[in-house]
N, C-alpha and C. Protein backbone atom coordinates (compact mmCIF):
# COMPACT_ATOMS: atom_id res chain seq x y z
N UNK A 1 56.58 -1.53 35.29
CA UNK A 1 55.71 -0.86 34.32
C UNK A 1 55.34 0.53 34.84
N UNK A 2 55.55 1.55 34.00
CA UNK A 2 55.21 2.91 34.39
C UNK A 2 53.70 3.08 34.49
N UNK A 3 53.28 3.99 35.40
CA UNK A 3 51.86 4.30 35.56
C UNK A 3 51.66 5.80 35.39
N UNK A 4 50.50 6.18 34.86
CA UNK A 4 50.13 7.58 34.74
C UNK A 4 49.11 7.87 35.83
N UNK A 5 49.42 8.83 36.68
CA UNK A 5 48.55 9.18 37.80
C UNK A 5 48.33 10.69 37.83
N UNK A 6 47.57 11.14 38.82
CA UNK A 6 47.37 12.58 39.01
C UNK A 6 47.74 12.93 40.45
N UNK A 7 47.63 14.20 40.81
CA UNK A 7 47.91 14.61 42.19
C UNK A 7 46.96 13.94 43.17
N UNK A 8 45.76 13.62 42.72
CA UNK A 8 44.80 12.93 43.59
C UNK A 8 45.32 11.57 44.02
N UNK A 9 46.16 10.97 43.20
CA UNK A 9 46.68 9.63 43.50
C UNK A 9 47.94 9.64 44.36
N UNK A 10 48.70 10.71 44.25
CA UNK A 10 50.01 10.74 44.93
C UNK A 10 50.02 11.72 46.10
N UNK A 11 49.18 12.68 46.12
CA UNK A 11 49.09 13.80 47.08
C UNK A 11 50.12 14.88 46.71
N UNK A 12 49.71 16.09 46.92
CA UNK A 12 50.56 17.24 46.59
C UNK A 12 51.86 17.21 47.39
N UNK A 13 51.76 16.86 48.67
CA UNK A 13 52.95 16.83 49.52
C UNK A 13 53.99 15.82 49.01
N UNK A 14 53.52 14.63 48.65
CA UNK A 14 54.44 13.60 48.17
C UNK A 14 55.06 14.01 46.84
N UNK A 15 54.27 14.58 45.95
CA UNK A 15 54.78 15.04 44.66
C UNK A 15 55.87 16.08 44.87
N UNK A 16 55.60 17.08 45.70
CA UNK A 16 56.59 18.13 45.97
C UNK A 16 57.83 17.55 46.63
N UNK A 17 57.64 16.65 47.56
CA UNK A 17 58.76 16.01 48.25
C UNK A 17 59.69 15.32 47.25
N UNK A 18 59.09 14.66 46.27
CA UNK A 18 59.91 13.96 45.27
C UNK A 18 60.57 14.93 44.29
N UNK A 19 59.81 15.88 43.77
CA UNK A 19 60.39 16.71 42.70
C UNK A 19 61.40 17.73 43.22
N UNK A 20 61.34 18.10 44.50
CA UNK A 20 62.34 19.05 44.97
C UNK A 20 63.74 18.45 44.96
N UNK A 21 63.81 17.12 44.92
CA UNK A 21 65.10 16.45 44.78
C UNK A 21 65.70 16.70 43.40
N UNK A 22 64.85 17.03 42.43
CA UNK A 22 65.34 17.27 41.06
C UNK A 22 66.18 18.54 40.98
N UNK A 23 66.10 19.40 41.99
CA UNK A 23 66.92 20.62 41.98
C UNK A 23 68.41 20.28 42.07
N UNK A 24 68.72 19.06 42.50
CA UNK A 24 70.12 18.62 42.62
C UNK A 24 70.67 18.08 41.30
N UNK A 25 69.80 17.92 40.32
CA UNK A 25 70.24 17.40 39.03
C UNK A 25 71.07 18.43 38.29
N UNK A 26 72.00 17.97 37.51
CA UNK A 26 72.76 18.86 36.62
C UNK A 26 71.93 18.99 35.34
N UNK A 27 70.92 19.87 35.39
CA UNK A 27 69.93 19.93 34.33
C UNK A 27 69.53 21.38 34.09
N UNK A 28 69.19 21.70 32.84
CA UNK A 28 68.84 23.09 32.51
C UNK A 28 67.59 23.56 33.25
N UNK A 29 66.72 22.63 33.66
CA UNK A 29 65.49 23.03 34.34
C UNK A 29 65.53 22.78 35.84
N UNK A 30 66.70 22.61 36.42
CA UNK A 30 66.77 22.29 37.85
C UNK A 30 66.19 23.41 38.72
N UNK A 31 66.20 24.65 38.22
CA UNK A 31 65.63 25.75 39.01
C UNK A 31 64.10 25.67 39.12
N UNK A 32 63.47 24.82 38.31
CA UNK A 32 62.03 24.60 38.41
C UNK A 32 61.65 24.01 39.77
N UNK A 33 62.63 23.45 40.48
CA UNK A 33 62.34 22.67 41.68
C UNK A 33 62.91 23.30 42.95
N UNK A 34 63.34 24.55 42.87
CA UNK A 34 63.93 25.23 44.02
C UNK A 34 62.87 26.06 44.75
N UNK A 35 62.77 25.87 46.04
CA UNK A 35 61.77 26.59 46.84
C UNK A 35 61.97 28.10 46.80
N UNK A 36 63.22 28.56 46.69
CA UNK A 36 63.46 30.00 46.69
C UNK A 36 63.25 30.66 45.33
N UNK A 37 62.86 29.87 44.33
CA UNK A 37 62.53 30.41 43.01
C UNK A 37 61.02 30.64 42.96
N UNK A 38 60.63 31.91 42.87
CA UNK A 38 59.21 32.29 42.93
C UNK A 38 58.37 31.58 41.87
N UNK A 39 58.96 31.32 40.71
CA UNK A 39 58.19 30.70 39.61
C UNK A 39 58.42 29.19 39.50
N UNK A 40 59.04 28.60 40.54
CA UNK A 40 59.27 27.15 40.51
C UNK A 40 57.94 26.41 40.55
N UNK A 41 57.97 25.16 40.14
CA UNK A 41 56.75 24.34 40.18
C UNK A 41 56.25 24.21 41.61
N UNK A 42 57.16 24.10 42.55
CA UNK A 42 56.78 23.96 43.96
C UNK A 42 55.95 25.15 44.41
N UNK A 43 56.30 26.35 43.92
CA UNK A 43 55.59 27.57 44.34
C UNK A 43 54.40 27.93 43.46
N UNK A 44 54.26 27.26 42.33
CA UNK A 44 53.15 27.61 41.42
C UNK A 44 52.22 26.42 41.14
N UNK A 45 52.39 25.36 41.89
CA UNK A 45 51.65 24.13 41.63
C UNK A 45 50.14 24.33 41.57
N UNK A 46 49.62 25.24 42.38
CA UNK A 46 48.17 25.46 42.44
C UNK A 46 47.64 26.32 41.30
N UNK A 47 48.52 26.86 40.48
CA UNK A 47 48.10 27.71 39.38
C UNK A 47 47.64 26.91 38.15
N UNK A 48 47.78 25.60 38.23
CA UNK A 48 47.45 24.75 37.09
C UNK A 48 46.19 23.94 37.36
N UNK A 49 45.44 23.70 36.32
CA UNK A 49 44.18 22.98 36.42
C UNK A 49 44.37 21.53 36.84
N UNK A 50 45.42 20.90 36.34
CA UNK A 50 45.59 19.47 36.54
C UNK A 50 47.05 19.09 36.29
N UNK A 51 47.53 18.11 37.04
CA UNK A 51 48.87 17.57 36.83
C UNK A 51 48.77 16.11 36.44
N UNK A 52 49.47 15.74 35.38
CA UNK A 52 49.56 14.36 34.91
C UNK A 52 50.98 13.89 35.20
N UNK A 53 51.10 12.78 35.90
CA UNK A 53 52.39 12.36 36.45
C UNK A 53 52.67 10.91 36.05
N UNK A 54 53.91 10.66 35.63
CA UNK A 54 54.35 9.29 35.35
C UNK A 54 55.23 8.83 36.49
N UNK A 55 54.89 7.66 37.05
CA UNK A 55 55.73 7.07 38.09
C UNK A 55 56.22 5.70 37.62
N UNK A 56 57.38 5.29 38.15
CA UNK A 56 57.94 3.99 37.77
C UNK A 56 57.41 2.89 38.69
N UNK A 57 58.01 1.72 38.59
CA UNK A 57 57.56 0.56 39.39
C UNK A 57 57.65 0.81 40.90
N UNK A 58 58.54 1.72 41.29
CA UNK A 58 58.74 2.02 42.71
C UNK A 58 57.97 3.27 43.14
N UNK A 59 57.03 3.70 42.30
CA UNK A 59 56.22 4.90 42.57
C UNK A 59 57.05 6.17 42.66
N UNK A 60 58.18 6.18 41.95
CA UNK A 60 59.01 7.38 41.88
C UNK A 60 58.61 8.20 40.65
N UNK A 61 58.49 9.50 40.83
CA UNK A 61 58.11 10.40 39.73
C UNK A 61 59.25 10.45 38.72
N UNK A 62 58.92 10.16 37.45
CA UNK A 62 59.94 10.21 36.40
C UNK A 62 59.57 11.18 35.27
N UNK A 63 58.32 11.63 35.26
CA UNK A 63 57.89 12.61 34.25
C UNK A 63 56.57 13.22 34.70
N UNK A 64 56.31 14.43 34.22
CA UNK A 64 55.02 15.05 34.53
C UNK A 64 54.77 16.20 33.56
N UNK A 65 53.53 16.63 33.54
CA UNK A 65 53.12 17.79 32.74
C UNK A 65 51.82 18.33 33.34
N UNK A 66 51.57 19.61 33.10
CA UNK A 66 50.38 20.25 33.66
C UNK A 66 49.44 20.71 32.56
N UNK A 67 48.21 20.95 32.96
CA UNK A 67 47.23 21.61 32.09
C UNK A 67 47.09 23.03 32.62
N UNK A 68 47.35 23.99 31.75
CA UNK A 68 47.31 25.41 32.11
C UNK A 68 46.04 26.03 31.54
N UNK A 69 45.10 26.33 32.43
CA UNK A 69 43.84 26.93 31.97
C UNK A 69 43.77 28.42 32.27
N UNK A 70 44.78 28.97 32.94
CA UNK A 70 44.75 30.38 33.35
C UNK A 70 45.45 31.33 32.38
N UNK A 71 46.66 30.96 31.98
CA UNK A 71 47.50 31.90 31.22
C UNK A 71 46.86 32.36 29.92
N UNK A 72 46.15 31.46 29.25
CA UNK A 72 45.56 31.80 27.95
C UNK A 72 44.03 31.89 28.01
N UNK A 73 43.52 32.06 29.22
CA UNK A 73 42.08 32.12 29.43
C UNK A 73 41.42 33.23 28.61
N UNK A 74 42.07 34.39 28.53
CA UNK A 74 41.45 35.51 27.80
C UNK A 74 41.41 35.26 26.30
N UNK A 75 42.15 34.27 25.83
CA UNK A 75 42.11 33.89 24.41
C UNK A 75 41.26 32.62 24.19
N UNK A 76 40.60 32.20 25.27
CA UNK A 76 39.74 31.01 25.21
C UNK A 76 40.52 29.75 24.83
N UNK A 77 41.73 29.63 25.40
CA UNK A 77 42.60 28.49 25.11
C UNK A 77 43.03 27.81 26.40
N UNK A 78 43.26 26.53 26.31
CA UNK A 78 43.86 25.74 27.38
C UNK A 78 45.14 25.12 26.83
N UNK A 79 46.24 25.31 27.56
CA UNK A 79 47.51 24.74 27.11
C UNK A 79 47.74 23.39 27.79
N UNK A 80 47.93 22.37 26.96
CA UNK A 80 48.26 21.04 27.45
C UNK A 80 49.78 20.88 27.50
N UNK A 81 50.23 19.94 28.29
CA UNK A 81 51.65 19.59 28.40
C UNK A 81 52.51 20.79 28.80
N UNK A 82 51.96 21.65 29.63
CA UNK A 82 52.72 22.77 30.16
C UNK A 82 53.65 22.25 31.25
N UNK A 83 54.80 22.86 31.40
CA UNK A 83 55.81 22.48 32.40
C UNK A 83 56.19 20.99 32.28
N UNK A 84 56.24 20.50 31.05
CA UNK A 84 56.62 19.09 30.85
C UNK A 84 58.05 18.86 31.30
N UNK A 85 58.24 17.80 32.07
CA UNK A 85 59.58 17.44 32.54
C UNK A 85 59.75 15.94 32.45
N UNK A 86 60.88 15.52 31.90
CA UNK A 86 61.29 14.12 31.84
C UNK A 86 62.56 14.00 32.68
N UNK A 87 62.58 13.08 33.60
CA UNK A 87 63.82 12.85 34.35
C UNK A 87 64.90 12.44 33.35
N UNK A 88 66.13 12.94 33.52
CA UNK A 88 67.20 12.59 32.57
C UNK A 88 67.39 11.09 32.35
N UNK A 89 67.02 10.28 33.33
CA UNK A 89 67.22 8.83 33.18
C UNK A 89 66.30 8.22 32.11
N UNK A 90 65.23 8.92 31.73
CA UNK A 90 64.35 8.37 30.69
C UNK A 90 64.29 9.27 29.45
N UNK A 91 65.04 10.34 29.48
CA UNK A 91 65.01 11.28 28.36
C UNK A 91 65.70 10.71 27.13
N UNK A 92 65.14 10.98 25.96
CA UNK A 92 65.76 10.57 24.71
C UNK A 92 66.39 11.80 24.05
N UNK A 93 67.38 11.54 23.22
CA UNK A 93 68.10 12.63 22.59
C UNK A 93 67.47 13.05 21.26
N UNK A 94 66.62 12.20 20.69
CA UNK A 94 66.14 12.48 19.35
C UNK A 94 64.65 12.19 19.25
N UNK A 95 63.91 13.12 18.62
CA UNK A 95 62.46 12.98 18.50
C UNK A 95 62.07 11.76 17.67
N UNK A 96 62.99 11.25 16.87
CA UNK A 96 62.66 10.11 16.00
C UNK A 96 62.62 8.78 16.74
N UNK A 97 62.99 8.80 18.04
CA UNK A 97 63.03 7.54 18.77
C UNK A 97 61.65 6.89 18.83
N UNK A 98 61.65 5.59 18.89
CA UNK A 98 60.43 4.80 19.09
C UNK A 98 59.29 5.30 18.21
N UNK A 99 59.52 5.29 16.91
CA UNK A 99 58.59 5.86 15.93
C UNK A 99 57.17 5.33 16.10
N UNK A 100 57.04 4.07 16.43
CA UNK A 100 55.72 3.47 16.58
C UNK A 100 55.31 3.23 18.02
N UNK A 101 55.99 3.88 18.96
CA UNK A 101 55.70 3.67 20.37
C UNK A 101 54.65 4.65 20.87
N UNK A 102 53.44 4.15 21.11
CA UNK A 102 52.39 5.01 21.65
C UNK A 102 52.30 4.88 23.17
N UNK A 103 53.29 4.22 23.79
CA UNK A 103 53.28 4.08 25.24
C UNK A 103 54.42 4.86 25.92
N UNK A 104 55.11 5.71 25.17
CA UNK A 104 56.10 6.59 25.79
C UNK A 104 55.36 7.50 26.77
N UNK A 105 55.99 7.87 27.90
CA UNK A 105 55.29 8.69 28.90
C UNK A 105 54.61 9.94 28.33
N UNK A 106 55.28 10.62 27.42
CA UNK A 106 54.68 11.85 26.88
C UNK A 106 53.38 11.56 26.13
N UNK A 107 53.34 10.43 25.43
CA UNK A 107 52.13 10.07 24.69
C UNK A 107 51.00 9.71 25.65
N UNK A 108 51.32 8.95 26.68
CA UNK A 108 50.30 8.54 27.65
C UNK A 108 49.78 9.74 28.45
N UNK A 109 50.70 10.64 28.84
CA UNK A 109 50.27 11.82 29.60
C UNK A 109 49.40 12.73 28.74
N UNK A 110 49.79 12.90 27.49
CA UNK A 110 48.99 13.74 26.60
C UNK A 110 47.59 13.17 26.42
N UNK A 111 47.49 11.86 26.21
CA UNK A 111 46.17 11.25 26.04
C UNK A 111 45.32 11.43 27.29
N UNK A 112 45.93 11.29 28.47
CA UNK A 112 45.20 11.51 29.73
C UNK A 112 44.70 12.95 29.80
N UNK A 113 45.53 13.89 29.36
CA UNK A 113 45.12 15.29 29.41
C UNK A 113 44.00 15.59 28.42
N UNK A 114 44.09 15.01 27.23
CA UNK A 114 43.02 15.16 26.24
C UNK A 114 41.70 14.65 26.84
N UNK A 115 41.76 13.50 27.49
CA UNK A 115 40.57 12.93 28.11
C UNK A 115 40.04 13.84 29.23
N UNK A 116 40.96 14.42 29.99
CA UNK A 116 40.57 15.27 31.14
C UNK A 116 39.80 16.50 30.69
N UNK A 117 40.17 17.06 29.54
CA UNK A 117 39.52 18.30 29.07
C UNK A 117 38.50 18.02 27.95
N UNK A 118 38.13 16.78 27.80
CA UNK A 118 37.25 16.39 26.68
C UNK A 118 35.96 17.19 26.61
N UNK A 119 35.43 17.61 27.74
CA UNK A 119 34.16 18.35 27.75
C UNK A 119 34.33 19.86 27.78
N UNK A 120 35.58 20.32 27.77
CA UNK A 120 35.83 21.76 27.75
C UNK A 120 35.62 22.31 26.35
N UNK A 121 35.19 23.55 26.27
CA UNK A 121 34.91 24.19 24.98
C UNK A 121 36.11 24.98 24.45
N UNK A 122 37.09 25.24 25.30
CA UNK A 122 38.23 26.05 24.90
C UNK A 122 39.07 25.36 23.82
N UNK A 123 39.81 26.17 23.08
CA UNK A 123 40.75 25.64 22.08
C UNK A 123 41.95 25.04 22.81
N UNK A 124 42.36 23.85 22.41
CA UNK A 124 43.51 23.19 23.03
C UNK A 124 44.78 23.55 22.27
N UNK A 125 45.80 23.95 23.00
CA UNK A 125 47.07 24.31 22.39
C UNK A 125 48.21 23.61 23.11
N UNK A 126 49.35 23.51 22.42
CA UNK A 126 50.62 23.08 23.00
C UNK A 126 51.68 24.03 22.48
N UNK A 127 52.67 24.32 23.30
CA UNK A 127 53.74 25.22 22.87
C UNK A 127 55.10 24.59 23.16
N UNK A 128 56.11 25.09 22.42
CA UNK A 128 57.48 24.65 22.64
C UNK A 128 58.41 25.81 22.33
N UNK A 129 59.41 25.99 23.16
CA UNK A 129 60.35 27.09 23.00
C UNK A 129 61.23 26.92 21.76
N UNK A 130 61.79 28.01 21.32
CA UNK A 130 62.84 28.09 20.30
C UNK A 130 62.37 27.70 18.90
N UNK A 131 62.63 28.59 17.97
CA UNK A 131 62.29 28.33 16.57
C UNK A 131 63.01 27.09 16.05
N UNK A 132 64.19 26.79 16.60
CA UNK A 132 64.95 25.62 16.15
C UNK A 132 64.24 24.31 16.53
N UNK A 133 63.25 24.39 17.42
CA UNK A 133 62.51 23.19 17.83
C UNK A 133 61.23 22.98 17.03
N UNK A 134 60.99 23.82 16.02
CA UNK A 134 59.76 23.70 15.23
C UNK A 134 59.64 22.32 14.59
N UNK A 135 60.76 21.83 14.05
CA UNK A 135 60.75 20.52 13.40
C UNK A 135 60.40 19.40 14.39
N UNK A 136 60.93 19.50 15.63
CA UNK A 136 60.62 18.50 16.65
C UNK A 136 59.14 18.49 16.98
N UNK A 137 58.57 19.70 17.14
CA UNK A 137 57.15 19.77 17.49
C UNK A 137 56.28 19.26 16.35
N UNK A 138 56.67 19.59 15.13
CA UNK A 138 55.92 19.11 13.96
C UNK A 138 55.93 17.58 13.89
N UNK A 139 57.11 16.97 14.13
CA UNK A 139 57.21 15.52 14.12
C UNK A 139 56.41 14.89 15.26
N UNK A 140 56.44 15.56 16.41
CA UNK A 140 55.67 15.05 17.55
C UNK A 140 54.17 15.06 17.23
N UNK A 141 53.69 16.14 16.61
CA UNK A 141 52.28 16.21 16.25
C UNK A 141 51.91 15.11 15.23
N UNK A 142 52.80 14.88 14.28
CA UNK A 142 52.54 13.81 13.30
C UNK A 142 52.41 12.47 14.01
N UNK A 143 53.28 12.23 14.97
CA UNK A 143 53.25 10.98 15.73
C UNK A 143 51.94 10.85 16.52
N UNK A 144 51.53 11.94 17.18
CA UNK A 144 50.28 11.92 17.95
C UNK A 144 49.08 11.68 17.04
N UNK A 145 49.08 12.34 15.90
CA UNK A 145 47.96 12.20 14.96
C UNK A 145 47.88 10.78 14.40
N UNK A 146 49.05 10.18 14.16
CA UNK A 146 49.11 8.85 13.56
C UNK A 146 48.80 7.75 14.58
N UNK A 147 49.40 7.85 15.76
CA UNK A 147 49.28 6.77 16.73
C UNK A 147 48.09 6.93 17.67
N UNK A 148 47.71 8.17 17.98
CA UNK A 148 46.63 8.41 18.94
C UNK A 148 45.35 8.91 18.28
N UNK A 149 45.41 9.05 16.94
CA UNK A 149 44.25 9.57 16.21
C UNK A 149 43.88 10.97 16.67
N UNK A 150 44.88 11.79 16.94
CA UNK A 150 44.67 13.18 17.34
C UNK A 150 44.58 14.05 16.09
N UNK A 151 44.43 15.34 16.32
CA UNK A 151 44.29 16.29 15.21
C UNK A 151 45.06 17.56 15.51
N UNK A 152 46.37 17.42 15.73
CA UNK A 152 47.23 18.57 16.02
C UNK A 152 47.82 19.14 14.74
N UNK A 153 48.02 20.45 14.71
CA UNK A 153 48.76 21.06 13.61
C UNK A 153 49.57 22.23 14.14
N UNK A 154 50.77 22.36 13.60
CA UNK A 154 51.68 23.44 13.99
C UNK A 154 51.30 24.70 13.22
N UNK A 155 51.09 25.79 13.95
CA UNK A 155 50.75 27.05 13.29
C UNK A 155 52.02 27.78 12.88
N UNK A 156 51.94 28.59 11.81
CA UNK A 156 53.12 29.37 11.42
C UNK A 156 53.39 30.46 12.45
N UNK A 157 54.63 30.84 12.60
CA UNK A 157 54.98 31.95 13.47
C UNK A 157 55.29 31.52 14.90
N UNK A 158 55.61 32.54 15.70
CA UNK A 158 55.91 32.37 17.12
C UNK A 158 54.83 33.12 17.90
N UNK A 159 54.39 32.53 19.00
CA UNK A 159 53.27 33.07 19.77
C UNK A 159 53.72 33.49 21.16
N UNK A 160 53.14 34.60 21.64
CA UNK A 160 53.55 35.15 22.92
C UNK A 160 52.96 34.33 24.07
N UNK A 161 53.85 33.75 24.89
CA UNK A 161 53.39 32.92 26.01
C UNK A 161 53.57 33.62 27.36
N UNK A 162 54.51 34.56 27.43
CA UNK A 162 54.64 35.45 28.59
C UNK A 162 55.07 36.80 28.02
N UNK A 163 55.28 37.79 28.90
CA UNK A 163 55.64 39.14 28.44
C UNK A 163 56.87 39.12 27.54
N UNK A 164 57.85 38.26 27.86
CA UNK A 164 59.10 38.25 27.10
C UNK A 164 59.40 36.92 26.42
N UNK A 165 58.40 36.07 26.29
CA UNK A 165 58.63 34.75 25.71
C UNK A 165 57.70 34.49 24.54
N UNK A 166 58.30 34.00 23.44
CA UNK A 166 57.54 33.66 22.24
C UNK A 166 57.88 32.22 21.88
N UNK A 167 56.85 31.41 21.61
CA UNK A 167 57.08 29.99 21.39
C UNK A 167 56.32 29.49 20.16
N UNK A 168 56.78 28.34 19.67
CA UNK A 168 56.03 27.61 18.64
C UNK A 168 54.71 27.18 19.25
N UNK A 169 53.66 27.15 18.44
CA UNK A 169 52.35 26.80 18.99
C UNK A 169 51.61 25.86 18.05
N UNK A 170 51.06 24.81 18.63
CA UNK A 170 50.21 23.89 17.89
C UNK A 170 48.80 23.96 18.42
N UNK A 171 47.85 23.72 17.56
CA UNK A 171 46.43 23.79 17.94
C UNK A 171 45.76 22.47 17.59
N UNK A 172 44.79 22.09 18.41
CA UNK A 172 44.07 20.85 18.20
C UNK A 172 42.80 21.13 17.40
N UNK A 173 42.65 20.43 16.29
CA UNK A 173 41.46 20.60 15.47
C UNK A 173 41.53 21.82 14.57
N UNK A 174 40.43 22.09 13.93
CA UNK A 174 40.36 23.20 12.98
C UNK A 174 39.94 24.48 13.70
N UNK A 175 40.81 24.94 14.59
CA UNK A 175 40.50 26.13 15.40
C UNK A 175 41.53 27.20 15.11
N UNK A 176 41.16 28.44 15.34
CA UNK A 176 42.11 29.54 15.22
C UNK A 176 42.35 30.11 16.61
N UNK A 177 43.47 30.79 16.77
CA UNK A 177 43.79 31.41 18.06
C UNK A 177 44.09 32.89 17.86
N UNK A 178 43.78 33.67 18.88
CA UNK A 178 43.96 35.13 18.83
C UNK A 178 45.17 35.58 19.64
N UNK A 179 46.01 34.65 20.03
CA UNK A 179 47.20 34.97 20.83
C UNK A 179 48.16 35.80 19.97
N UNK A 180 48.74 36.90 20.51
CA UNK A 180 49.69 37.71 19.73
C UNK A 180 50.80 36.83 19.15
N UNK A 181 51.17 37.12 17.90
CA UNK A 181 52.19 36.31 17.24
C UNK A 181 53.01 37.15 16.27
N UNK A 182 54.10 36.59 15.83
CA UNK A 182 54.95 37.22 14.82
C UNK A 182 55.55 36.11 13.97
N UNK A 183 56.08 36.47 12.82
CA UNK A 183 56.68 35.46 11.95
C UNK A 183 57.97 34.94 12.59
N UNK A 184 58.39 33.77 12.18
CA UNK A 184 59.63 33.19 12.69
C UNK A 184 60.81 34.10 12.32
N UNK A 185 60.80 34.66 11.10
CA UNK A 185 61.89 35.56 10.68
C UNK A 185 61.95 36.79 11.56
N UNK A 186 60.79 37.36 11.89
CA UNK A 186 60.77 38.54 12.76
C UNK A 186 61.29 38.18 14.15
N UNK A 187 60.88 37.02 14.64
CA UNK A 187 61.33 36.58 15.95
C UNK A 187 62.86 36.40 15.96
N UNK A 188 63.39 35.79 14.90
CA UNK A 188 64.85 35.60 14.82
C UNK A 188 65.57 36.94 14.79
N UNK A 189 65.03 37.89 14.04
CA UNK A 189 65.64 39.22 13.95
C UNK A 189 65.64 39.90 15.31
N UNK A 190 64.54 39.84 16.02
CA UNK A 190 64.46 40.43 17.36
C UNK A 190 65.45 39.78 18.31
N UNK A 191 65.58 38.47 18.21
CA UNK A 191 66.52 37.75 19.05
C UNK A 191 67.95 38.19 18.78
N UNK A 192 68.28 38.32 17.50
CA UNK A 192 69.63 38.75 17.12
C UNK A 192 69.90 40.16 17.65
N UNK A 193 68.91 41.04 17.54
CA UNK A 193 69.09 42.42 18.01
C UNK A 193 69.31 42.45 19.51
N UNK A 194 68.62 41.58 20.26
CA UNK A 194 68.81 41.51 21.72
C UNK A 194 70.24 41.11 22.05
N UNK A 195 70.80 40.19 21.27
CA UNK A 195 72.16 39.73 21.54
C UNK A 195 73.20 40.78 21.21
N UNK A 196 72.86 41.72 20.34
CA UNK A 196 73.82 42.77 19.95
C UNK A 196 73.81 43.94 20.94
N UNK A 197 72.83 44.02 21.80
CA UNK A 197 72.75 45.15 22.75
C UNK A 197 73.81 45.07 23.81
C-alpha cells in the first residue's frame, strides 16, 4: 500500500539519494535529478515550502510534488503540485484512467497539500505546460471537484510562470489572479513565430 509522506518523514538526504537515481531513466524529465543541473530538484529543494512524497511498500519514492510559495509571492499566490513527478512504473497514459479513483497518488498528494496550506490566505493555483494539455487539466479539476469536493476552475489563457514560460493555470475557489497572461491564440502565434526564426 502506497503512503503519502513529507521530507520530515524521509529526511532530505534519503529523498535526494533516491531521486538522483531517476536521472538514469529514459524520461523527458531526467535532467530534474542531475546534480550538475543548476535548476534540478536536488539543487533547488530548499526553494519550496513543502514536499509531498508517495512511497511504495518498500519505502521507495514513486511520486512527489512541491508547494511553491516563492515564485508567485508577489501575486499573493501559492502554487500546488509544482515539480510533480510520477515514476514511469506508475504513470498512466490517459487522464481518463480510474475515473472514480480518489486514491491515485496525485489525488492523495493534492489533498495533503490542500490541508497543509489550509490556513494560508494566498490564492491557490496549479499550472500545467502546453496549450494542448488544457483538456487534461480541465478533466483533472473536474475529477478533484467531484471526488475530493474541491473547487478548482481552469482560467482562460496562458499565464507566465517564468521569464520564458507560459502555462495553463487553474485557481481554487472564486479568486482572481494578477499574473501576466495572454490568450491561447496569442500564445500559439508566438510559439509558431519562435519556430520560424
